[in-house]
Amino acid sequence: MSATTSLYMRLKSFADGAIDLLSALFLPIIALLVSTGILKGIFILLTVNHLVPEGSSTYVILNAMSDAFFYFIPVFLAYTAAKRFNTDPFTAMLLACVLVYPDVTQLMKAPGAGGMESVEALVQSLAATMGQSGDGSAVATMFGHVGGAGGWQGPDLFGWPMGQVMYPSSVIPILLAVYCLQYVEKLGKKIFPEAVRGLFTPPLCIIVMTPFTLVILGPIGTWLGALLGGGYELVYGLSPLIAGLIVGTVQPFIGMLGLQWGFFPIAINNVAVYGFDTLMPLFGTAMFAQAGAALAVAVRSKNKVFKTEAFSAGLIALLGVTEPAVFGVTLRLKRPMVCACVAGGLGGALAGFFKVSAPSFAIPAVTTLPVFMGPSFMWYLTALGIAFGLSFVLTLIVGFKDIKYSEVTMIEE
């Protein structure tokens, strides 16, 4: 076996292992993920059609019903990750609760950035935070360093900078934290006598892991996202077609790893500085490709329960919520994910080539299509159609290993 082949096999094994791990961590909450996605879709339709006044008490309650799971998903993942890594799930959940604690979330924003009522508010806070900088630097903002003299320098812990990490709705920080937590817990079990082990080990874990996560683990994903966002600006300046191809292909993994927070400020800053944004349209082709793949799975799958879940996930993805489709369908089956990435990349390349843009910031969805209206709007619709249709057809042709459903778990046939 050649060195190249050996390296390829190792990388493939690592990728398969990472995908299997993420799938296993989301497996216990897939039904809840899809169900909450349905609530999210209903809420979007109600607000878009002005059936529920924004800011009313009804709006707040319905928003909480549809948004709470996504907002607090680190807490759910802390439990499943703790089970996977064989550490105490309740200590892991407490660590996640610290990260999403309202005051901690508020601390991550610049003064005057406003409240934090929902996942969408996280994006708006980034825009407000960028407004404190005065230099329009989205990448610098993500590092917790904003502006020059007199500018806000970001939160710190005993003088150590924490960056600006929005932990609600994030995935990677809590998974890294729980993985490290198992070793701190083992240390506690070694140094404390058995009689007091259960009393002192959890506080030790929280005392050690909270600052380690806030200062080291949390900013890793944000910094990487910021670097990727800066890389996008560089590539788009050289070739919009290549930028569209890359973004359309890798966007599912960007969202999967929680790196979208490095891209949203770029999009917001584009609107503020140039009056239009070219990034979110490219995200849209990838999201519509996920919808096409999920709906193809719903058509081809012979499992009635999974067919229903895939169909719901596909429709929800068209409303801008792709997590059920990604974690519940395409990632688990692998081949549909590949098909969606190929189709999303080609759709993104077309959107990039014709320099599709949006005059304001919006998460791509069927309901937000009017935001993207402009000189290249028809090309954007064409790109979305290609991404959706090609992903649908490729998934039907390539196929996948169907799964059978039990009340406890999903097992591949």
Protein backbone atom coordinates (compact mmCIF):
# COMPACT_ATOMS: atom_id res chain seq x y z
CA MET A 1 0.00 0.00 0.00
CA SER A 2 1.43 3.37 -1.05
CA ALA A 3 1.90 6.26 1.35
CA THR A 4 -0.78 8.25 -0.47
CA THR A 5 -3.29 5.41 -0.19
CA SER A 6 -2.43 4.91 3.47
CA LEU A 7 -2.94 8.61 4.19
CA TYR A 8 -6.25 8.58 2.32
CA MET A 9 -7.47 5.59 4.31
CA ARG A 10 -6.50 7.26 7.57
CA LEU A 11 -8.26 10.48 6.66
CA LYS A 12 -11.33 8.55 5.52
CA SER A 13 -11.35 6.57 8.75
CA PHE A 14 -11.04 9.77 10.78
CA ALA A 15 -13.85 11.46 8.83
CA ASP A 16 -16.11 8.42 9.17
CA GLY A 17 -15.38 8.26 12.89
CA ALA A 18 -16.14 11.97 13.36
CA ILE A 19 -19.41 11.67 11.44
CA ASP A 20 -20.42 8.56 13.36
CA LEU A 21 -19.63 10.32 16.65
CA LEU A 22 -21.71 13.39 15.77
CA SER A 23 -24.54 11.16 14.58
CA ALA A 24 -24.44 9.16 17.81
CA LEU A 25 -24.50 12.32 19.93
CA PHE A 26 -27.54 13.67 18.09
CA LEU A 27 -29.31 10.30 17.80
CA PRO A 28 -31.17 10.47 21.16
CA ILE A 29 -32.54 13.95 20.36
CA ILE A 30 -33.31 13.57 16.65
CA ALA A 31 -37.07 13.26 17.16
CA LEU A 32 -37.04 16.35 19.37
CA LEU A 33 -34.88 18.15 16.82
CA VAL A 34 -37.35 17.46 14.02
CA SER A 35 -40.39 18.25 16.18
CA THR A 36 -38.95 21.58 17.28
CA GLY A 37 -38.07 22.32 13.67
CA ILE A 38 -41.73 21.90 12.78
CA LEU A 39 -42.68 24.37 15.52
CA LYS A 40 -40.05 26.74 14.16
CA GLY A 41 -41.52 26.47 10.67
CA ILE A 42 -45.04 27.18 11.94
CA PHE A 43 -43.79 30.19 13.88
CA ILE A 44 -42.00 31.58 10.82
CA LEU A 45 -45.14 31.24 8.71
CA LEU A 46 -47.26 32.95 11.37
CA THR A 47 -44.89 35.90 11.69
CA VAL A 48 -44.21 36.30 7.97
CA ASN A 49 -47.95 36.45 7.28
CA HIS A 50 -48.42 38.93 10.16
CA LEU A 51 -50.82 36.63 11.98
CA VAL A 52 -48.88 37.17 15.20
CA PRO A 53 -47.76 40.75 15.96
CA GLU A 54 -44.04 40.96 16.62
CA GLY A 55 -43.29 41.90 20.22
CA SER A 56 -46.67 40.78 21.56
CA SER A 57 -46.93 38.35 24.47
CA THR A 58 -48.21 35.68 22.07
CA TYR A 59 -45.15 36.25 19.89
CA VAL A 60 -42.82 35.82 22.87
CA ILE A 61 -44.44 32.56 24.01
CA LEU A 62 -44.58 31.05 20.52
CA ASN A 63 -40.99 32.09 19.89
CA ALA A 64 -39.92 30.38 23.12
CA MET A 65 -41.75 27.19 22.11
CA SER A 66 -40.01 27.07 18.74
CA ASP A 67 -36.62 28.44 19.77
CA ALA A 68 -35.82 27.04 23.23
CA PHE A 69 -34.47 23.71 22.03
CA PHE A 70 -32.06 25.29 19.54
CA TYR A 71 -31.05 27.96 22.05
CA PHE A 72 -30.30 25.45 24.81
CA ILE A 73 -29.01 22.65 22.60
CA PRO A 74 -25.61 22.71 24.37
CA VAL A 75 -27.38 21.42 27.49
CA PHE A 76 -28.94 18.50 25.60
CA LEU A 77 -25.66 17.70 23.88
CA ALA A 78 -23.84 17.84 27.21
CA TYR A 79 -26.01 14.95 28.40
CA THR A 80 -25.56 12.79 25.29
CA ALA A 81 -21.82 13.56 25.12
CA ALA A 82 -21.38 12.69 28.81
CA LYS A 83 -23.04 9.33 28.20
CA ARG A 84 -20.75 8.76 25.22
CA PHE A 85 -17.56 9.79 27.05
CA ASN A 86 -18.53 7.99 30.26
CA THR A 87 -18.60 10.99 32.56
CA ASP A 88 -21.27 12.35 34.90
CA PRO A 89 -24.09 13.74 32.71
CA PHE A 90 -25.42 16.14 35.32
CA THR A 91 -22.04 17.78 35.88
CA ALA A 92 -21.77 18.14 32.10
CA MET A 93 -25.23 19.69 31.94
CA LEU A 94 -24.33 22.13 34.71
CA LEU A 95 -21.24 23.16 32.74
CA ALA A 96 -23.42 23.76 29.68
CA CYS A 97 -25.86 25.80 31.78
CA VAL A 98 -22.98 28.03 32.89
CA LEU A 99 -22.06 28.66 29.26
CA VAL A 100 -25.59 29.64 28.22
CA TYR A 101 -26.39 31.51 31.43
CA PRO A 102 -28.07 34.81 30.40
CA ASP A 103 -25.53 37.01 32.19
CA VAL A 104 -22.63 35.16 30.53
CA THR A 105 -24.28 35.56 27.12
CA GLN A 106 -24.85 39.25 27.81
CA LEU A 107 -21.20 39.56 28.85
CA MET A 108 -20.11 38.45 25.39
CA LYS A 109 -21.74 41.45 23.76
CA ALA A 110 -20.52 45.00 23.51
CA PRO A 111 -22.26 47.56 25.75
CA GLY A 112 -25.53 48.66 24.22
CA ALA A 113 -25.90 45.61 21.99
CA GLY A 114 -29.38 44.91 23.35
CA GLY A 115 -31.19 41.89 24.71
CA MET A 116 -30.79 38.22 23.92
CA GLU A 117 -34.24 36.77 23.53
CA SER A 118 -33.69 34.21 20.76
CA VAL A 119 -31.22 32.58 18.41
CA GLU A 120 -31.96 35.28 15.85
CA ALA A 121 -31.05 37.88 18.47
CA LEU A 122 -27.55 36.44 18.59
CA VAL A 123 -27.04 37.53 15.01
CA GLN A 124 -28.45 40.98 15.72
CA SER A 125 -26.13 41.35 18.70
CA LEU A 126 -23.17 40.73 16.44
CA ALA A 127 -24.29 43.61 14.26
CA ALA A 128 -24.62 45.88 17.28
CA THR A 129 -21.24 44.75 18.59
CA MET A 130 -19.60 45.54 15.27
CA GLY A 131 -21.07 48.99 15.46
CA GLN A 132 -18.86 49.63 18.50
CA SER A 133 -15.67 49.10 16.50
CA GLY A 134 -15.78 52.00 14.10
CA ASP A 135 -13.47 50.20 11.67
CA GLY A 136 -15.90 47.72 10.13
CA SER A 137 -13.59 44.82 10.90
CA ALA A 138 -15.74 41.74 11.24
CA VAL A 139 -12.82 39.39 11.74
CA ALA A 140 -11.29 41.55 14.49
CA THR A 141 -14.67 41.64 16.21
CA MET A 142 -14.77 37.88 16.48
CA PHE A 143 -11.47 37.90 18.38
CA GLY A 144 -12.99 40.06 21.08
CA HIS A 145 -10.87 43.05 20.07
CA VAL A 146 -12.98 45.90 18.82
CA GLY A 147 -11.73 49.29 17.78
CA GLY A 148 -8.84 51.36 18.91
CA ALA A 149 -8.53 53.82 21.73
CA GLY A 150 -11.61 53.88 23.90
CA GLY A 151 -13.08 50.86 22.11
CA TRP A 152 -14.55 47.88 23.90
CA GLN A 153 -11.87 45.21 24.39
CA GLY A 154 -14.17 42.29 25.12
CA PRO A 155 -14.78 40.25 28.29
CA ASP A 156 -12.01 38.70 30.34
CA LEU A 157 -11.64 36.23 33.19
CA PHE A 158 -8.96 37.26 35.74
CA GLY A 159 -7.37 39.26 32.93
CA TRP A 160 -7.47 36.43 30.40
CA PRO A 161 -9.47 37.38 27.25
CA MET A 162 -12.47 35.17 26.49
CA GLY A 163 -13.27 36.42 23.01
CA GLN A 164 -16.87 36.92 21.89
CA VAL A 165 -18.33 33.44 21.83
CA MET A 166 -22.10 33.03 21.66
CA TYR A 167 -22.62 29.67 23.37
CA PRO A 168 -26.40 29.37 22.90
CA SER A 169 -27.07 27.16 19.84
CA SER A 170 -23.39 26.21 19.62
CA VAL A 171 -22.21 22.61 19.23
CA ILE A 172 -18.44 22.24 19.25
CA PRO A 173 -17.54 24.15 22.46
CA ILE A 174 -19.65 21.95 24.72
CA LEU A 175 -18.51 18.75 22.99
CA LEU A 176 -14.87 19.72 23.50
CA ALA A 177 -15.63 20.71 27.09
CA VAL A 178 -17.35 17.42 27.95
CA TYR A 179 -14.54 15.45 26.31
CA CYS A 180 -12.02 17.21 28.58
CA LEU A 181 -14.38 16.97 31.54
CA GLN A 182 -13.96 13.20 31.71
CA TYR A 183 -10.26 13.59 32.56
CA VAL A 184 -10.90 16.19 35.25
CA GLU A 185 -13.52 13.89 36.75
CA LYS A 186 -11.06 10.99 36.77
CA LEU A 187 -8.55 13.23 38.53
CA GLY A 188 -11.12 14.13 41.17
CA LYS A 189 -11.92 10.49 41.80
CA LYS A 190 -8.22 9.82 42.36
CA ILE A 191 -7.43 12.68 44.74
CA PHE A 192 -10.61 12.67 46.86
CA PRO A 193 -11.45 9.88 49.34
CA GLU A 194 -14.43 7.78 48.39
CA ALA A 195 -16.46 9.15 51.32
CA VAL A 196 -16.39 12.72 49.92
CA ARG A 197 -15.76 11.99 46.26
CA GLY A 198 -19.32 12.63 45.18
CA LEU A 199 -19.38 15.92 47.09
CA PHE A 200 -16.12 17.48 45.89
CA THR A 201 -15.58 16.08 42.39
CA PRO A 202 -18.41 18.05 40.66
CA PRO A 203 -17.24 21.43 42.09
CA LEU A 204 -13.68 20.63 40.99
CA CYS A 205 -14.92 19.87 37.48
CA ILE A 206 -16.86 23.12 37.24
CA ILE A 207 -14.05 25.22 38.73
CA VAL A 208 -11.50 23.79 36.28
CA MET A 209 -13.61 23.40 33.14
CA THR A 210 -15.52 26.70 33.20
CA PRO A 211 -12.47 28.97 32.78
CA PHE A 212 -10.75 26.45 30.50
CA THR A 213 -13.79 26.41 28.21
CA LEU A 214 -14.36 30.16 28.25
CA VAL A 215 -10.71 31.07 27.65
CA ILE A 216 -9.42 28.19 25.51
CA LEU A 217 -12.01 25.79 24.08
CA GLY A 218 -14.82 28.23 23.29
CA PRO A 219 -12.78 30.76 21.30
CA ILE A 220 -11.18 28.00 19.17
CA GLY A 221 -14.27 27.54 17.02
CA THR A 222 -14.93 31.27 16.85
CA TRP A 223 -11.37 32.07 15.82
CA LEU A 224 -11.46 29.36 13.19
CA GLY A 225 -14.77 30.72 11.92
CA ALA A 226 -13.31 34.22 11.79
CA LEU A 227 -10.31 32.99 9.81
CA LEU A 228 -12.60 31.16 7.41
CA GLY A 229 -14.70 34.30 7.05
CA GLY A 230 -11.61 36.33 6.23
CA GLY A 231 -10.57 33.64 3.78
CA TYR A 232 -13.95 33.92 2.07
CA GLU A 233 -13.48 37.66 1.55
CA LEU A 234 -10.06 37.00 0.00
CA VAL A 235 -11.27 34.21 -2.32
CA TYR A 236 -14.41 36.11 -3.37
CA GLY A 237 -12.25 39.08 -4.33
CA LEU A 238 -10.20 36.79 -6.59
CA SER A 239 -13.02 34.67 -8.04
CA PRO A 240 -16.70 34.81 -6.99
CA LEU A 241 -17.30 31.52 -8.84
CA ILE A 242 -14.69 29.64 -6.82
CA ALA A 243 -15.89 31.28 -3.60
CA GLY A 244 -19.44 30.16 -4.37
CA LEU A 245 -18.28 26.63 -5.14
CA ILE A 246 -16.38 26.38 -1.87
CA VAL A 247 -19.04 27.96 0.36
CA GLY A 248 -21.87 25.98 -1.22
CA THR A 249 -19.95 22.77 -0.66
CA VAL A 250 -18.69 23.23 2.90
CA GLN A 251 -21.56 25.26 4.41
CA PRO A 252 -23.19 22.21 6.08
CA PHE A 253 -19.95 21.55 7.95
CA ILE A 254 -19.63 25.22 8.86
CA GLY A 255 -23.03 25.08 10.53
CA MET A 256 -22.36 21.64 11.98
CA LEU A 257 -19.24 22.86 13.75
CA GLY A 258 -20.82 26.12 14.88
CA LEU A 259 -18.44 28.20 12.76
CA GLN A 260 -21.23 30.28 11.22
CA TRP A 261 -20.59 32.93 13.88
CA GLY A 262 -17.42 33.81 12.01
CA PHE A 263 -19.39 34.38 8.81
CA PHE A 264 -22.48 36.24 10.02
CA PRO A 265 -20.48 39.36 10.96
CA ILE A 266 -18.96 39.32 7.47
CA ALA A 267 -22.45 39.34 5.93
CA ILE A 268 -23.70 42.02 8.30
CA ASN A 269 -20.61 44.14 7.71
CA ASN A 270 -21.00 43.80 3.92
CA VAL A 271 -24.48 45.33 4.15
CA ALA A 272 -23.28 48.12 6.45
CA VAL A 273 -20.25 49.04 4.34
CA TYR A 274 -21.20 48.18 0.75
CA GLY A 275 -25.00 48.22 0.92
CA PHE A 276 -25.29 44.56 -0.12
CA ASP A 277 -24.09 41.09 0.88
CA THR A 278 -22.87 38.22 -1.32
CA LEU A 279 -22.30 35.58 1.38
CA MET A 280 -25.80 34.62 2.53
CA PRO A 281 -26.98 33.83 -1.03
CA LEU A 282 -24.21 31.24 -1.21
CA PHE A 283 -25.34 29.78 2.11
CA GLY A 284 -28.81 29.53 0.58
CA THR A 285 -27.78 27.12 -2.18
CA ALA A 286 -26.31 24.73 0.40
CA MET A 287 -29.42 24.94 2.58
CA PHE A 288 -31.76 24.24 -0.34
CA ALA A 289 -29.53 21.32 -1.33
CA GLN A 290 -30.01 19.85 2.16
CA ALA A 291 -33.75 20.19 1.69
CA GLY A 292 -33.62 18.38 -1.64
CA ALA A 293 -31.56 15.51 -0.24
CA ALA A 294 -33.84 15.09 2.79
CA LEU A 295 -36.96 15.03 0.63
CA ALA A 296 -35.33 12.47 -1.69
CA VAL A 297 -34.64 10.29 1.35
CA ALA A 298 -38.31 10.64 2.30
CA VAL A 299 -39.32 9.44 -1.17
CA ARG A 300 -36.93 6.50 -1.30
CA SER A 301 -36.93 5.27 2.30
CA LYS A 302 -39.16 2.27 3.04
CA ASN A 303 -39.34 3.03 6.73
CA LYS A 304 -42.59 4.86 7.41
CA VAL A 305 -41.42 6.58 10.58
CA PHE A 306 -38.11 7.71 9.12
CA LYS A 307 -39.85 8.72 5.88
CA THR A 308 -42.06 11.09 7.86
CA GLU A 309 -39.11 12.54 9.75
CA ALA A 310 -37.11 13.08 6.55
CA PHE A 311 -40.09 14.73 4.84
CA SER A 312 -40.59 17.10 7.77
CA ALA A 313 -36.87 17.88 7.91
CA GLY A 314 -36.83 18.68 4.19
CA LEU A 315 -39.73 21.11 4.43
CA ILE A 316 -38.25 22.75 7.51
CA ALA A 317 -34.93 23.23 5.71
CA LEU A 318 -36.76 25.25 3.06
CA LEU A 319 -37.82 27.55 5.90
CA GLY A 320 -34.20 28.17 6.88
CA VAL A 321 -33.79 25.58 9.66
CA THR A 322 -31.43 22.89 8.35
CA GLU A 323 -30.38 21.18 11.60
CA PRO A 324 -33.08 18.46 11.41
CA ALA A 325 -32.10 17.68 7.81
CA VAL A 326 -28.36 17.68 8.50
CA PHE A 327 -28.22 15.83 11.82
CA GLY A 328 -31.36 13.78 11.44
CA VAL A 329 -31.08 12.66 7.80
CA THR A 330 -28.17 13.47 5.48
CA LEU A 331 -25.27 13.21 7.92
CA ARG A 332 -26.50 9.92 9.33
CA LEU A 333 -26.88 8.36 5.91
CA LYS A 334 -23.64 9.93 4.57
CA ARG A 335 -24.34 9.50 0.84
CA PRO A 336 -27.16 12.08 0.83
CA MET A 337 -24.76 14.50 2.54
CA VAL A 338 -22.25 14.03 -0.28
CA CYS A 339 -24.98 14.59 -2.87
CA ALA A 340 -26.15 17.74 -1.09
CA CYS A 341 -22.59 19.10 -0.89
CA VAL A 342 -22.02 18.52 -4.62
CA ALA A 343 -25.32 20.15 -5.57
CA GLY A 344 -24.86 23.02 -3.11
CA GLY A 345 -21.39 23.67 -4.49
CA LEU A 346 -22.59 23.83 -8.10
CA GLY A 347 -25.51 26.07 -7.14
CA GLY A 348 -23.15 28.27 -5.14
CA ALA A 349 -20.76 28.51 -8.09
CA LEU A 350 -23.60 29.74 -10.31
CA ALA A 351 -24.72 32.28 -7.69
CA GLY A 352 -21.14 33.44 -7.26
CA PHE A 353 -20.52 33.73 -11.00
CA PHE A 354 -23.50 36.06 -11.43
CA LYS A 355 -22.61 37.89 -8.19
CA VAL A 356 -25.97 37.37 -6.54
CA SER A 357 -26.40 39.72 -3.59
CA ALA A 358 -28.89 40.81 -0.94
CA PRO A 359 -29.49 44.43 0.11
CA SER A 360 -29.96 43.39 3.75
CA PHE A 361 -29.01 40.54 6.06
CA ALA A 362 -31.34 37.52 6.15
CA ILE A 363 -31.07 33.79 6.78
CA PRO A 364 -31.83 32.14 3.39
CA ALA A 365 -35.27 30.51 3.21
CA VAL A 366 -38.36 30.40 1.04
CA THR A 367 -39.93 33.02 3.27
CA THR A 368 -36.98 35.43 2.93
CA LEU A 369 -36.62 35.25 -0.86
CA PRO A 370 -37.93 38.83 -1.32
CA VAL A 371 -34.85 40.08 0.56
CA PHE A 372 -32.67 38.82 -2.29
CA MET A 373 -34.59 40.60 -5.04
CA GLY A 374 -32.33 42.60 -7.31
CA PRO A 375 -30.68 42.58 -10.74
CA SER A 376 -29.49 38.97 -10.32
CA PHE A 377 -32.56 37.63 -8.50
CA MET A 378 -33.57 35.29 -11.33
CA TRP A 379 -30.09 33.80 -11.34
CA TYR A 380 -30.40 33.27 -7.60
CA LEU A 381 -33.67 31.40 -8.09
CA THR A 382 -31.97 29.35 -10.81
CA ALA A 383 -29.07 28.55 -8.48
CA LEU A 384 -31.46 27.49 -5.71
CA GLY A 385 -33.43 25.37 -8.16
CA ILE A 386 -30.27 23.65 -9.40
CA ALA A 387 -29.04 23.01 -5.86
CA PHE A 388 -32.40 21.63 -4.72
CA GLY A 389 -33.18 19.63 -7.87
CA LEU A 390 -29.72 18.18 -8.40
CA SER A 391 -29.45 17.16 -4.74
CA PHE A 392 -32.86 15.49 -4.95
CA VAL A 393 -32.02 13.57 -8.15
CA LEU A 394 -28.50 12.58 -7.08
CA THR A 395 -29.78 11.21 -3.78
CA LEU A 396 -32.39 9.13 -5.60
CA ILE A 397 -29.76 7.78 -8.01
CA VAL A 398 -26.90 7.20 -5.58
CA GLY A 399 -29.18 5.82 -2.88
CA PHE A 400 -28.32 5.06 0.75
CA LYS A 401 -28.48 2.32 3.35
CA ASP A 402 -31.99 2.54 4.71
CA ILE A 403 -32.52 2.33 8.45
CA LYS A 404 -35.09 0.69 10.61
CA TYR A 405 -36.59 2.38 13.60
CA SER A 406 -37.04 1.07 17.13
CA GLU A 407 -38.24 2.92 20.19
CA VAL A 408 -34.73 2.93 21.63
CA THR A 409 -32.45 3.67 18.68
CA MET A 410 -32.05 3.66 14.93
CA ILE A 411 -29.99 0.78 13.55
CA GLU A 412 -28.60 0.50 10.05
CA GLU A 413 -29.85 -2.46 8.08
